[in-house]
Amino acid sequence: MAVSNFGIKGLNDNEVIASRTKNGENKLSYKKENGFIDAVKSLAKEPMVILLFVAATVYFISGEYGDGIFLTTAIFIVSAITLYQDSRSRNALEKLKSYSQPHCKVIRNGIVTEIASDEIVIGDSLIVEEGSLISADGTIVHSNDFSVNESILTGESMAVYKDSAKDDNAIFSGTMVASGLAIATVTAIGNNTKLGKIGTSLASIKEEKTPLEIQIKNFVTKMVIIGAIVFVIVWGINYYMSKNFTDSLLKALTLAMSILPEEIPMAFTTFMALGAWRLMKMGIVVKQMKTVETLGSATVICTDKTGTITENKMSLAKLFVISTERTLNPEDINTDEEKNLIHLAMWASEPIPFDPMEVALHKTYGEIVLHDERSSYKMIHEYPLGGKPPMMTHLFEDKNGKRIIAAKGAAEALMAISNLTEKQTAAINSAIQSMAADGYRVLGVGEAIFDGADFPKTQQEFKFAFKGLVAFYDPPKANINAVFEGFYKAGIDLKIVTGDNALTTTSIAKQTGFHGYENSMSGDELMSLDEATLNKKVMETNVFTRMFPRSEIKNHQCSEG
């Protein structure tokens, strides 16, 4: 691949060595663990194993060698099952790591070179292309139709369009290139990448005991206390009556041991090992056997709406034009006002669309225009999706200086910065309720005029004219009703956490047989609650709408508590 067209030479050999000496290698380094030794230590602390060991010791002391040998064998069996399962899981995880992309392309000394990912240094010119995993954080200096799936960092499955001219021109380690090609200057490697910092914070989290471990520990503790009390009482009475220290001791130990259920640990470990084995047969890697018990104790599952409950196949379903206050279907578009609404919605979308809604807008635009102007205009400025609720604005200009400033997003966001009469506001709200009640996802569309080159810092500073609404339909997945019923039959509650509005979410939830769709709470409402009220509300509410990261974190922390 020739890189002379890009004018990028990259680092030379001396610069690579200097950068590596100063900043280190591109490796994630966390607390080192000795897998086998750690597994043995963890096993030795298990209440079940301790109970078996104590029981076996007492039987040997009391002369019951048959029972002692049986329990010793049980200890070895329990230990062998646990260590074998742990070893298999650890090996599987190591093999998965080896499957991750081991090499990447960089420009060094003016030529493209393929190197191991851990050899990347800060300052390298990293080449990433469709289907490849990004190996370091960087800033884009050149791109062609480039988009990235950042779900590992953001949780959003939709690809993000990026280039050097955008405010969002950064790429991050661990994300996947969805389309196109980009060259980026590496700015962070190893633990200093965004993904590395997340990993570091996760490594600092103290591991919590599972509910079953806590119950077993409490149970064993109580049984030991009861056994000790019985032992002292029986030994004291026998010694007082017989004056034979050894005989009294053995009788007391035997009676005390009869209280301890030494068979239970064997049964618990065997059942969890079988569960882990079944999961692995299904292609699910189980790192620890207690994962099976943790999954079995799950009582609440939170799910997104778009792409999880629905098919994520948006189609343009309805339009509302503010000038005529008319709601219509896409196939009925006829007047200039109706066509202009589609034009603006398309211009407010990415030039190369990836989001299903934007793809639908570009498609409709191509169907209704006589002369396609997309190739005549160039984007000169962009305000990415932002705000609460969110909106986005694009500025285009042709060679004659004619500008198009178009915005789309949550209707509430555009209504708040548009000069609307009470009548218009009421008409818009009525249209939103009507569309959302049918399960449509509704976006507002606006237009602004600005002649200068000193663009406002935020898109909300433009004076927008509200033009109308575009509504999309994303049908529920065919089998989602059965999935929900399976969870409900298993005694698991479901909650929807989405950025969409309440009416749309409620309609989709109703169509899928979701329990508790009648009551919903917005992200702003959630953030205004004190902790005690929040703890109560999250238990009573199953639908959370217009959520944003801070509110989702608060919701998660509350449910954790």
Protein backbone atom coordinates (compact mmCIF):
# COMPACT_ATOMS: atom_id res chain seq x y z
CA MET A 1 0.00 0.00 0.00
CA ALA A 2 1.49 3.33 -1.00
CA VAL A 3 1.32 6.06 1.58
CA SER A 4 2.92 8.90 -0.35
CA ASN A 5 -0.54 10.23 -1.23
CA PHE A 6 -1.21 10.81 2.43
CA GLY A 7 2.06 12.64 3.00
CA ILE A 8 2.65 10.63 6.18
CA LYS A 9 6.14 9.30 6.91
CA GLY A 10 5.63 8.07 10.45
CA LEU A 11 8.38 7.53 13.00
CA ASN A 12 11.89 6.43 12.10
CA ASP A 13 13.70 3.65 13.93
CA ASN A 14 15.45 5.96 16.38
CA GLU A 15 12.19 7.73 17.25
CA VAL A 16 10.50 4.37 17.87
CA ILE A 17 13.25 3.31 20.28
CA ALA A 18 13.15 6.67 22.08
CA SER A 19 9.37 6.54 22.44
CA ARG A 20 9.42 2.96 23.72
CA THR A 21 12.15 3.81 26.23
CA LYS A 22 10.16 6.80 27.50
CA ASN A 23 6.61 5.41 27.46
CA GLY A 24 7.00 1.63 27.59
CA GLU A 25 5.28 -1.10 25.60
CA ASN A 26 1.67 -1.43 24.49
CA LYS A 27 0.73 -4.04 27.08
CA LEU A 28 -1.97 -4.16 29.71
CA SER A 29 -0.29 -4.92 33.00
CA TYR A 30 -2.39 -5.68 36.03
CA LYS A 31 -1.79 -7.60 39.23
CA LYS A 32 0.03 -10.80 38.34
CA GLU A 33 -1.66 -13.95 39.47
CA ASN A 34 -0.46 -17.54 39.69
CA GLY A 35 -3.55 -19.34 38.44
CA PHE A 36 -2.99 -22.75 40.01
CA ILE A 37 -1.62 -21.54 43.35
CA ASP A 38 -4.37 -18.94 43.65
CA ALA A 39 -6.97 -21.60 42.88
CA VAL A 40 -5.54 -23.85 45.62
CA LYS A 41 -5.51 -20.97 48.13
CA SER A 42 -9.09 -20.08 47.27
CA LEU A 43 -10.14 -23.70 47.60
CA ALA A 44 -8.46 -24.01 51.00
CA LYS A 45 -10.57 -21.09 52.25
CA GLU A 46 -13.85 -22.59 51.10
CA PRO A 47 -16.16 -23.38 54.06
CA MET A 48 -17.23 -26.59 52.35
CA VAL A 49 -13.66 -27.91 52.09
CA ILE A 50 -12.81 -26.76 55.62
CA LEU A 51 -15.87 -28.58 56.93
CA LEU A 52 -14.90 -31.81 55.18
CA PHE A 53 -11.32 -31.52 56.46
CA VAL A 54 -12.42 -30.96 60.07
CA ALA A 55 -14.84 -33.87 59.86
CA ALA A 56 -12.19 -36.21 58.45
CA THR A 57 -9.69 -35.18 61.14
CA VAL A 58 -12.17 -35.84 63.92
CA TYR A 59 -13.03 -39.27 62.51
CA PHE A 60 -9.34 -40.22 62.38
CA ILE A 61 -8.82 -39.00 65.96
CA SER A 62 -11.84 -40.96 67.15
CA GLY A 63 -10.62 -44.12 65.44
CA GLU A 64 -13.34 -44.16 62.78
CA TYR A 65 -10.84 -44.76 59.96
CA GLY A 66 -13.44 -45.86 57.41
CA ASP A 67 -15.40 -42.63 57.73
CA GLY A 68 -12.15 -40.63 57.85
CA ILE A 69 -10.91 -42.20 54.61
CA PHE A 70 -14.31 -41.61 52.98
CA LEU A 71 -14.27 -37.88 53.83
CA THR A 72 -10.61 -37.55 52.80
CA THR A 73 -11.54 -39.06 49.45
CA ALA A 74 -14.41 -36.59 49.24
CA ILE A 75 -11.96 -33.72 49.83
CA PHE A 76 -9.77 -34.93 46.97
CA ILE A 77 -12.78 -35.35 44.68
CA VAL A 78 -14.14 -31.87 45.49
CA SER A 79 -10.67 -30.35 45.03
CA ALA A 80 -10.04 -32.22 41.80
CA ILE A 81 -13.39 -31.17 40.29
CA THR A 82 -12.84 -27.53 41.28
CA LEU A 83 -9.22 -27.33 40.09
CA TYR A 84 -9.97 -29.18 36.85
CA GLN A 85 -12.90 -26.88 36.03
CA ASP A 86 -10.84 -23.81 36.92
CA SER A 87 -7.94 -25.04 34.79
CA ARG A 88 -10.18 -25.67 31.76
CA SER A 89 -11.75 -22.24 32.06
CA ARG A 90 -8.36 -20.55 32.48
CA ASN A 91 -7.00 -22.35 29.42
CA ALA A 92 -10.06 -21.40 27.38
CA LEU A 93 -9.65 -17.74 28.34
CA GLU A 94 -5.97 -17.82 27.41
CA LYS A 95 -6.84 -19.27 24.00
CA LEU A 96 -9.45 -16.54 23.51
CA LYS A 97 -6.79 -13.93 24.25
CA SER A 98 -4.55 -15.46 21.59
CA TYR A 99 -7.36 -15.12 19.07
CA SER A 100 -7.43 -11.34 19.55
CA GLN A 101 -5.67 -9.44 16.81
CA PRO A 102 -1.91 -9.97 17.44
CA HIS A 103 -0.67 -7.68 14.66
CA CYS A 104 -1.41 -4.24 13.26
CA LYS A 105 -0.19 -1.90 10.53
CA VAL A 106 1.84 1.24 11.12
CA ILE A 107 3.69 3.68 8.91
CA ARG A 108 7.37 3.84 9.79
CA ASN A 109 10.18 5.28 7.73
CA GLY A 110 7.61 6.18 5.06
CA ILE A 111 6.42 2.60 4.43
CA VAL A 112 3.61 0.43 5.79
CA THR A 113 4.91 -2.14 8.25
CA GLU A 114 3.06 -4.95 10.00
CA ILE A 115 4.13 -5.31 13.63
CA ALA A 116 2.96 -7.05 16.79
CA SER A 117 0.36 -4.96 18.60
CA ASP A 118 2.48 -4.73 21.74
CA GLU A 119 5.26 -3.05 19.70
CA ILE A 120 3.18 0.07 19.01
CA VAL A 121 4.66 3.22 20.55
CA ILE A 122 3.26 6.67 21.21
CA GLY A 123 3.64 8.80 18.07
CA ASP A 124 3.22 5.86 15.67
CA SER A 125 1.02 6.36 12.61
CA LEU A 126 -1.46 3.52 13.06
CA ILE A 127 -3.50 2.23 10.10
CA VAL A 128 -6.89 0.75 10.94
CA GLU A 129 -9.33 -0.62 8.40
CA GLU A 130 -12.68 -2.34 8.16
CA GLY A 131 -12.93 -5.43 10.35
CA SER A 132 -9.77 -4.73 12.35
CA LEU A 133 -9.45 -4.27 16.10
CA ILE A 134 -7.89 -0.97 17.13
CA SER A 135 -4.77 -1.60 19.20
CA ALA A 136 -4.14 1.82 20.79
CA ASP A 137 -5.72 5.21 21.40
CA GLY A 138 -5.04 7.85 18.77
CA THR A 139 -6.13 10.94 16.87
CA ILE A 140 -7.26 10.61 13.25
CA VAL A 141 -5.16 12.44 10.67
CA HIS A 142 -6.67 10.88 7.56
CA SER A 143 -9.78 8.78 6.90
CA ASN A 144 -12.04 7.42 4.17
CA ASP A 145 -15.68 6.59 5.00
CA PHE A 146 -14.51 5.64 8.48
CA SER A 147 -16.77 4.44 11.29
CA VAL A 148 -16.11 2.59 14.54
CA ASN A 149 -18.12 0.29 16.78
CA GLU A 150 -17.38 1.58 20.29
CA SER A 151 -19.84 -0.67 22.13
CA ILE A 152 -17.07 -2.08 24.35
CA LEU A 153 -16.70 1.42 25.84
CA THR A 154 -20.13 3.00 25.46
CA GLY A 155 -22.54 0.07 25.25
CA GLU A 156 -24.03 1.56 22.07
CA SER A 157 -24.16 -0.94 19.20
CA MET A 158 -24.43 1.71 16.47
CA ALA A 159 -21.26 2.60 14.58
CA VAL A 160 -19.86 6.13 15.05
CA TYR A 161 -18.74 8.07 11.96
CA LYS A 162 -15.39 9.85 12.49
CA ASP A 163 -12.82 11.85 10.57
CA SER A 164 -10.04 14.35 11.23
CA ALA A 165 -12.33 17.36 10.69
CA LYS A 166 -14.83 16.34 13.37
CA ASP A 167 -14.69 17.31 17.01
CA ASP A 168 -14.86 13.60 17.75
CA ASN A 169 -11.72 12.51 15.92
CA ALA A 170 -10.31 10.06 18.46
CA ILE A 171 -10.09 6.28 18.21
CA PHE A 172 -9.75 3.96 21.16
CA SER A 173 -8.05 0.66 21.89
CA GLY A 174 -10.34 -2.36 21.90
CA THR A 175 -12.94 -0.86 19.56
CA MET A 176 -13.73 -2.37 16.16
CA VAL A 177 -13.60 -0.65 12.77
CA ALA A 178 -17.06 -0.95 11.19
CA SER A 179 -16.18 0.51 7.79
CA GLY A 180 -13.56 2.44 5.85
CA LEU A 181 -9.95 3.20 6.69
CA ALA A 182 -8.16 5.68 8.91
CA ILE A 183 -4.65 6.68 9.84
CA ALA A 184 -4.22 7.91 13.39
CA THR A 185 -1.36 9.23 15.48
CA VAL A 186 -1.06 7.08 18.60
CA THR A 187 -1.58 9.10 21.78
CA ALA A 188 -1.87 6.40 24.46
CA ILE A 189 -0.84 2.77 24.86
CA GLY A 190 -1.18 -0.01 27.41
CA ASN A 191 -2.74 0.92 30.74
CA ASN A 192 -2.98 4.58 29.71
CA THR A 193 -5.58 3.87 27.01
CA LYS A 194 -9.22 4.43 27.80
CA LEU A 195 -9.82 0.67 27.87
CA GLY A 196 -6.71 0.16 30.00
CA LYS A 197 -7.92 2.65 32.60
CA ILE A 198 -11.25 0.83 32.78
CA GLY A 199 -9.39 -2.43 33.29
CA THR A 200 -7.27 -0.88 36.04
CA SER A 201 -10.36 0.36 37.86
CA LEU A 202 -12.02 -3.06 37.52
CA ALA A 203 -8.92 -4.77 38.89
CA SER A 204 -9.20 -2.65 42.04
CA ILE A 205 -12.73 -3.87 42.79
CA LYS A 206 -12.84 -6.21 45.76
CA GLU A 207 -14.41 -9.54 44.90
CA GLU A 208 -17.65 -10.12 46.75
CA LYS A 209 -18.95 -13.40 48.09
CA THR A 210 -21.89 -14.95 46.28
CA PRO A 211 -25.21 -15.36 48.13
CA LEU A 212 -24.65 -19.12 48.43
CA GLU A 213 -21.12 -18.65 49.82
CA ILE A 214 -22.48 -16.24 52.43
CA GLN A 215 -25.29 -18.65 53.35
CA ILE A 216 -22.94 -21.62 53.60
CA LYS A 217 -20.48 -19.64 55.72
CA ASN A 218 -23.26 -18.59 58.09
CA PHE A 219 -24.64 -22.12 58.18
CA VAL A 220 -21.24 -23.71 58.87
CA THR A 221 -20.47 -21.11 61.55
CA LYS A 222 -23.75 -21.81 63.35
CA MET A 223 -23.25 -25.58 63.10
CA VAL A 224 -19.69 -25.30 64.44
CA ILE A 225 -20.89 -23.22 67.39
CA ILE A 226 -23.71 -25.68 68.12
CA GLY A 227 -21.30 -28.61 67.71
CA ALA A 228 -18.79 -27.01 70.05
CA ILE A 229 -21.45 -26.40 72.70
CA VAL A 230 -22.70 -29.99 72.41
CA PHE A 231 -19.11 -31.26 72.53
CA VAL A 232 -18.33 -29.39 75.77
CA ILE A 233 -21.58 -30.44 77.45
CA VAL A 234 -21.33 -34.13 76.46
CA TRP A 235 -17.63 -34.34 77.27
CA GLY A 236 -18.20 -32.69 80.67
CA ILE A 237 -21.06 -35.01 81.61
CA ASN A 238 -19.24 -38.16 80.42
CA TYR A 239 -16.03 -37.23 82.17
CA TYR A 240 -17.92 -36.43 85.37
CA MET A 241 -19.64 -39.81 85.25
CA SER A 242 -16.76 -42.06 84.05
CA LYS A 243 -13.60 -40.12 84.97
CA ASN A 244 -12.18 -41.47 81.64
CA PHE A 245 -10.76 -38.52 79.72
CA THR A 246 -10.09 -40.24 76.35
CA ASP A 247 -13.38 -42.14 76.19
CA SER A 248 -15.35 -39.02 77.12
CA LEU A 249 -13.52 -37.00 74.49
CA LEU A 250 -14.17 -39.49 71.69
CA LYS A 251 -17.86 -39.82 72.56
CA ALA A 252 -18.26 -36.05 72.67
CA LEU A 253 -16.48 -35.64 69.32
CA THR A 254 -18.60 -38.35 67.72
CA LEU A 255 -21.85 -36.76 68.86
CA ALA A 256 -20.69 -33.27 67.86
CA MET A 257 -19.70 -34.54 64.39
CA SER A 258 -23.16 -36.00 63.87
CA ILE A 259 -24.49 -32.44 63.90
CA LEU A 260 -22.22 -31.33 61.04
CA PRO A 261 -23.70 -32.16 57.57
CA GLU A 262 -20.47 -33.18 55.89
CA GLU A 263 -22.26 -34.59 52.81
CA ILE A 264 -23.66 -31.18 51.78
CA PRO A 265 -20.33 -29.69 50.55
CA MET A 266 -19.81 -32.65 48.24
CA ALA A 267 -23.31 -32.28 46.79
CA PHE A 268 -23.01 -28.49 46.31
CA THR A 269 -19.66 -28.73 44.55
CA THR A 270 -20.82 -31.56 42.29
CA PHE A 271 -23.99 -29.70 41.25
CA MET A 272 -22.11 -26.48 40.44
CA ALA A 273 -19.46 -28.41 38.50
CA LEU A 274 -22.19 -30.08 36.44
CA GLY A 275 -23.78 -26.67 35.80
CA ALA A 276 -20.47 -25.21 34.66
CA TRP A 277 -19.90 -28.23 32.41
CA ARG A 278 -23.33 -27.79 30.79
CA LEU A 279 -22.65 -24.09 30.16
CA MET A 280 -19.31 -24.89 28.55
CA LYS A 281 -21.04 -27.43 26.30
CA MET A 282 -23.23 -24.53 25.15
CA GLY A 283 -20.14 -22.47 24.29
CA ILE A 284 -20.19 -20.32 27.44
CA VAL A 285 -16.82 -20.00 29.18
CA VAL A 286 -17.23 -20.29 32.97
CA LYS A 287 -14.21 -18.89 34.76
CA GLN A 288 -15.32 -20.01 38.22
CA MET A 289 -17.86 -22.60 39.29
CA LYS A 290 -19.60 -20.14 41.57
CA THR A 291 -20.63 -18.25 38.43
CA VAL A 292 -23.30 -20.91 37.99
CA GLU A 293 -24.74 -20.15 41.42
CA THR A 294 -24.54 -16.37 40.81
CA LEU A 295 -26.46 -16.72 37.54
CA GLY A 296 -29.01 -18.86 39.27
CA SER A 297 -29.55 -16.20 41.95
CA ALA A 298 -30.22 -13.40 39.43
CA THR A 299 -33.56 -11.77 40.15
CA VAL A 300 -33.53 -8.71 37.84
CA ILE A 301 -32.37 -8.24 34.26
CA CYS A 302 -32.11 -4.74 32.72
CA THR A 303 -32.38 -4.44 28.95
CA ASP A 304 -32.11 -1.73 26.33
CA LYS A 305 -34.93 -1.28 23.81
CA THR A 306 -33.43 -0.49 20.40
CA GLY A 307 -31.67 -3.49 18.90
CA THR A 308 -32.37 -5.66 21.95
CA ILE A 309 -36.14 -5.81 22.17
CA THR A 310 -36.56 -4.43 18.64
CA GLU A 311 -34.97 -5.49 15.34
CA ASN A 312 -33.06 -2.20 14.91
CA LYS A 313 -34.44 -1.95 11.36
CA MET A 314 -35.81 1.58 11.21
CA SER A 315 -38.20 2.60 8.47
CA LEU A 316 -39.68 6.06 7.98
CA ALA A 317 -43.33 5.73 9.04
CA LYS A 318 -44.86 9.20 9.52
CA LEU A 319 -44.19 12.91 8.98
CA PHE A 320 -45.67 15.96 10.67
CA VAL A 321 -45.24 19.35 8.95
CA ILE A 322 -45.57 22.32 11.28
CA SER A 323 -46.56 24.81 8.56
CA THR A 324 -49.66 22.81 7.62
CA GLU A 325 -50.05 20.89 10.89
CA ARG A 326 -50.58 17.81 8.75
CA THR A 327 -49.54 14.25 9.58
CA LEU A 328 -48.90 11.98 6.59
CA ASN A 329 -47.25 8.79 5.37
CA PRO A 330 -43.96 8.93 3.39
CA GLU A 331 -45.67 7.73 0.21
CA ASP A 332 -48.03 10.75 0.39
CA ILE A 333 -45.26 13.37 0.27
CA ASN A 334 -46.21 15.91 -2.38
CA THR A 335 -45.88 19.57 -1.39
CA ASP A 336 -42.67 21.60 -1.15
CA GLU A 337 -43.04 21.91 2.65
CA GLU A 338 -43.20 18.14 3.01
CA LYS A 339 -40.20 17.60 0.73
CA ASN A 340 -38.25 20.30 2.57
CA LEU A 341 -38.80 18.47 5.87
CA ILE A 342 -37.17 15.34 4.41
CA HIS A 343 -34.36 17.45 2.89
CA LEU A 344 -33.50 19.01 6.26
CA ALA A 345 -33.73 15.71 8.12
CA MET A 346 -31.35 14.18 5.58
CA TRP A 347 -28.88 17.11 5.83
CA ALA A 348 -28.95 16.76 9.62
CA SER A 349 -27.79 13.16 9.19
CA GLU A 350 -24.27 11.90 8.53
CA PRO A 351 -23.13 12.28 4.90
CA ILE A 352 -22.38 8.57 4.86
CA PRO A 353 -25.13 7.14 7.07
CA PHE A 354 -24.75 4.10 9.29
CA ASP A 355 -27.58 4.61 11.75
CA PRO A 356 -30.74 2.86 10.43
CA MET A 357 -32.80 6.03 10.89
CA GLU A 358 -30.35 8.08 8.85
CA VAL A 359 -30.17 5.39 6.18
CA ALA A 360 -33.97 5.60 5.92
CA LEU A 361 -33.83 9.40 5.57
CA HIS A 362 -31.18 9.26 2.82
CA LYS A 363 -33.22 6.62 1.01
CA THR A 364 -36.42 8.68 1.16
CA TYR A 365 -34.56 11.80 0.04
CA GLY A 366 -33.24 9.94 -3.02
CA GLU A 367 -36.76 8.81 -3.89
CA ILE A 368 -38.46 12.22 -3.76
CA VAL A 369 -35.90 14.60 -5.35
CA LEU A 370 -35.47 15.26 -9.04
CA HIS A 371 -31.93 16.58 -8.63
CA ASP A 372 -29.68 15.07 -5.94
CA GLU A 373 -27.65 17.87 -4.33
CA ARG A 374 -25.62 15.75 -1.91
CA SER A 375 -22.50 15.78 -4.07
CA SER A 376 -22.66 19.59 -4.42
CA TYR A 377 -22.36 20.37 -0.73
CA LYS A 378 -19.51 19.90 1.73
CA MET A 379 -19.85 19.75 5.49
CA ILE A 380 -18.05 22.76 7.00
CA HIS A 381 -18.98 22.33 10.65
CA GLU A 382 -20.71 19.84 12.88
CA TYR A 383 -22.19 19.71 16.36
CA PRO A 384 -22.26 16.04 17.42
CA LEU A 385 -25.15 14.43 19.25
CA GLY A 386 -25.31 16.01 22.68
CA GLY A 387 -27.47 17.64 25.32
CA LYS A 388 -30.31 16.38 27.52
CA PRO A 389 -32.36 15.37 25.64
CA PRO A 390 -29.90 15.06 22.72
CA MET A 391 -29.80 16.75 19.32
CA MET A 392 -27.25 17.23 16.52
CA THR A 393 -26.59 19.96 13.94
CA HIS A 394 -24.76 19.90 10.59
CA LEU A 395 -23.60 22.86 8.50
CA PHE A 396 -23.14 22.34 4.73
CA GLU A 397 -21.99 24.76 2.06
CA ASP A 398 -21.71 24.57 -1.75
CA LYS A 399 -19.06 26.19 -3.95
CA ASN A 400 -21.22 29.32 -4.33
CA GLY A 401 -21.38 29.86 -0.56
CA LYS A 402 -24.98 28.71 -0.16
CA ARG A 403 -25.46 27.19 3.28
CA ILE A 404 -27.72 24.59 4.82
CA ILE A 405 -27.90 24.43 8.62
CA ALA A 406 -30.06 21.50 9.68
CA ALA A 407 -30.70 19.92 13.07
CA LYS A 408 -32.55 16.86 14.30
CA GLY A 409 -32.96 15.13 17.61
CA ALA A 410 -35.35 14.85 20.51
CA ALA A 411 -38.36 17.02 19.72
CA GLU A 412 -38.25 18.58 23.20
CA ALA A 413 -34.66 19.74 22.60
CA LEU A 414 -35.53 21.58 19.37
CA MET A 415 -38.81 22.95 20.70
CA ALA A 416 -36.95 24.52 23.62
CA ILE A 417 -34.74 26.63 21.30
CA SER A 418 -37.30 27.43 18.62
CA ASN A 419 -39.69 30.39 18.53
CA LEU A 420 -43.04 28.60 18.63
CA THR A 421 -46.52 29.87 19.38
CA GLU A 422 -48.72 28.16 21.95
CA LYS A 423 -50.86 26.77 19.14
CA GLN A 424 -47.82 25.31 17.36
CA THR A 425 -46.49 23.82 20.59
CA ALA A 426 -49.83 22.18 21.29
CA ALA A 427 -50.01 20.79 17.73
CA ILE A 428 -46.48 19.37 17.98
CA ASN A 429 -47.16 17.76 21.36
CA SER A 430 -50.38 16.25 20.05
CA ALA A 431 -48.54 14.81 17.02
CA ILE A 432 -45.76 13.40 19.23
CA GLN A 433 -48.25 11.67 21.52
CA SER A 434 -50.16 10.22 18.58
CA MET A 435 -47.00 8.88 16.88
CA ALA A 436 -45.33 7.63 20.06
CA ALA A 437 -48.52 5.84 21.12
CA ASP A 438 -48.16 3.73 17.96
CA GLY A 439 -44.63 2.76 18.96
CA TYR A 440 -42.84 5.15 16.61
CA ARG A 441 -39.53 6.78 17.45
CA VAL A 442 -40.04 10.52 16.93
CA LEU A 443 -37.42 13.13 16.00
CA GLY A 444 -37.80 16.88 15.64
CA VAL A 445 -36.28 18.69 12.65
CA GLY A 446 -35.17 22.33 12.56
CA GLU A 447 -33.38 24.84 10.33
CA ALA A 448 -31.19 27.85 11.14
CA ILE A 449 -29.58 30.71 9.22
CA PHE A 450 -26.03 31.88 9.99
CA ASP A 451 -23.74 33.82 7.67
CA GLY A 452 -20.56 34.30 9.68
CA ALA A 453 -17.52 32.06 10.06
CA ASP A 454 -17.34 32.37 13.85
CA PHE A 455 -19.74 29.58 14.68
CA PRO A 456 -21.43 29.45 18.10
CA LYS A 457 -19.79 27.27 20.72
CA THR A 458 -22.93 25.20 21.16
CA GLN A 459 -25.70 24.28 18.72
CA GLN A 460 -28.32 25.55 21.14
CA GLU A 461 -27.14 29.12 20.44
CA PHE A 462 -28.53 29.04 16.89
CA LYS A 463 -31.99 30.51 16.29
CA PHE A 464 -33.85 27.52 14.91
CA ALA A 465 -37.09 27.39 12.99
CA PHE A 466 -38.96 24.20 13.95
CA LYS A 467 -40.00 22.48 10.70
CA GLY A 468 -41.70 19.30 11.81
CA LEU A 469 -41.38 15.73 12.99
CA VAL A 470 -40.17 12.51 11.39
CA ALA A 471 -41.25 9.21 12.93
CA PHE A 472 -39.64 5.80 12.51
CA TYR A 473 -40.87 2.32 13.28
CA ASP A 474 -38.57 -0.34 14.65
CA PRO A 475 -40.62 -3.55 15.03
CA PRO A 476 -40.14 -5.85 18.02
CA LYS A 477 -38.19 -9.05 17.44
CA ALA A 478 -40.35 -12.00 16.49
CA ASN A 479 -39.42 -14.17 19.48
CA ILE A 480 -39.12 -11.49 22.16
CA ASN A 481 -42.50 -12.37 23.73
CA ALA A 482 -41.33 -15.95 24.34
CA VAL A 483 -38.01 -14.71 25.75
CA PHE A 484 -39.82 -12.46 28.22
CA GLU A 485 -42.16 -15.27 29.25
CA GLY A 486 -39.16 -17.50 29.90
CA PHE A 487 -37.70 -14.94 32.28
CA TYR A 488 -41.01 -14.39 34.06
CA LYS A 489 -41.53 -18.15 34.53
CA ALA A 490 -38.03 -18.34 36.02
CA GLY A 491 -39.02 -15.69 38.58
CA ILE A 492 -36.81 -12.98 37.07
CA ASP A 493 -38.04 -9.39 36.85
CA LEU A 494 -37.30 -7.33 33.73
CA LYS A 495 -36.64 -3.60 33.44
CA ILE A 496 -36.22 -1.51 30.28
CA VAL A 497 -33.55 1.21 30.40
CA THR A 498 -33.55 3.32 27.23
CA GLY A 499 -32.81 6.77 25.85
CA ASP A 500 -36.09 6.84 23.93
CA ASN A 501 -39.20 8.66 25.14
CA ALA A 502 -41.84 7.19 27.42
CA LEU A 503 -44.71 6.86 24.95
CA THR A 504 -42.69 5.01 22.30
CA THR A 505 -41.12 2.70 24.87
CA THR A 506 -44.48 2.01 26.52
CA SER A 507 -46.05 1.10 23.18
CA ILE A 508 -43.25 -1.32 22.24
CA ALA A 509 -43.30 -2.83 25.74
CA LYS A 510 -47.05 -3.37 25.52
CA GLN A 511 -46.68 -5.10 22.13
CA THR A 512 -44.09 -7.52 23.54
CA GLY A 513 -46.04 -8.57 26.63
CA PHE A 514 -43.67 -6.72 28.97
CA HIS A 515 -45.00 -6.60 32.55
CA GLY A 516 -45.35 -3.18 34.16
CA TYR A 517 -45.24 -1.14 30.95
CA GLU A 518 -47.89 1.24 32.35
CA ASN A 519 -45.51 3.08 34.70
CA SER A 520 -42.26 4.73 33.58
CA MET A 521 -39.66 7.12 34.96
CA SER A 522 -37.35 9.51 33.10
CA GLY A 523 -33.66 10.04 33.77
CA ASP A 524 -34.26 13.56 35.10
CA GLU A 525 -36.94 12.31 37.49
CA LEU A 526 -34.63 9.58 38.72
CA MET A 527 -31.76 12.02 39.40
CA SER A 528 -34.04 14.25 41.48
CA LEU A 529 -34.91 11.50 43.97
CA ASP A 530 -33.17 10.99 47.30
CA GLU A 531 -31.65 7.57 47.96
CA ALA A 532 -34.49 6.25 50.12
CA THR A 533 -37.17 7.21 47.59
CA LEU A 534 -35.03 5.94 44.73
CA ASN A 535 -34.61 2.54 46.38
CA LYS A 536 -38.38 2.29 46.55
CA LYS A 537 -39.09 3.60 43.05
CA VAL A 538 -36.64 1.32 41.21
CA MET A 539 -38.40 -1.66 42.72
CA GLU A 540 -41.83 -0.42 41.66
CA THR A 541 -40.90 0.89 38.18
CA ASN A 542 -40.02 -1.35 35.23
CA VAL A 543 -39.60 1.21 32.42
CA PHE A 544 -36.89 3.89 32.57
CA THR A 545 -36.85 6.37 29.65
CA ARG A 546 -34.73 9.29 28.46
CA MET A 547 -31.86 7.83 30.43
CA PHE A 548 -28.30 9.18 30.21
CA PRO A 549 -25.00 7.81 31.61
CA ARG A 550 -25.11 9.50 35.04
CA SER A 551 -28.69 8.43 35.69
CA GLU A 552 -27.94 4.86 34.56
CA ILE A 553 -24.96 4.70 36.95
CA LYS A 554 -27.12 5.97 39.82
CA ASN A 555 -29.82 3.46 38.92
CA HIS A 556 -27.25 0.65 38.84
CA GLN A 557 -25.74 1.66 42.18
CA CYS A 558 -29.19 1.74 43.74
CA SER A 559 -30.09 -1.71 42.41
CA GLU A 560 -26.70 -2.99 43.63
CA GLY A 561 -27.54 -1.74 47.11
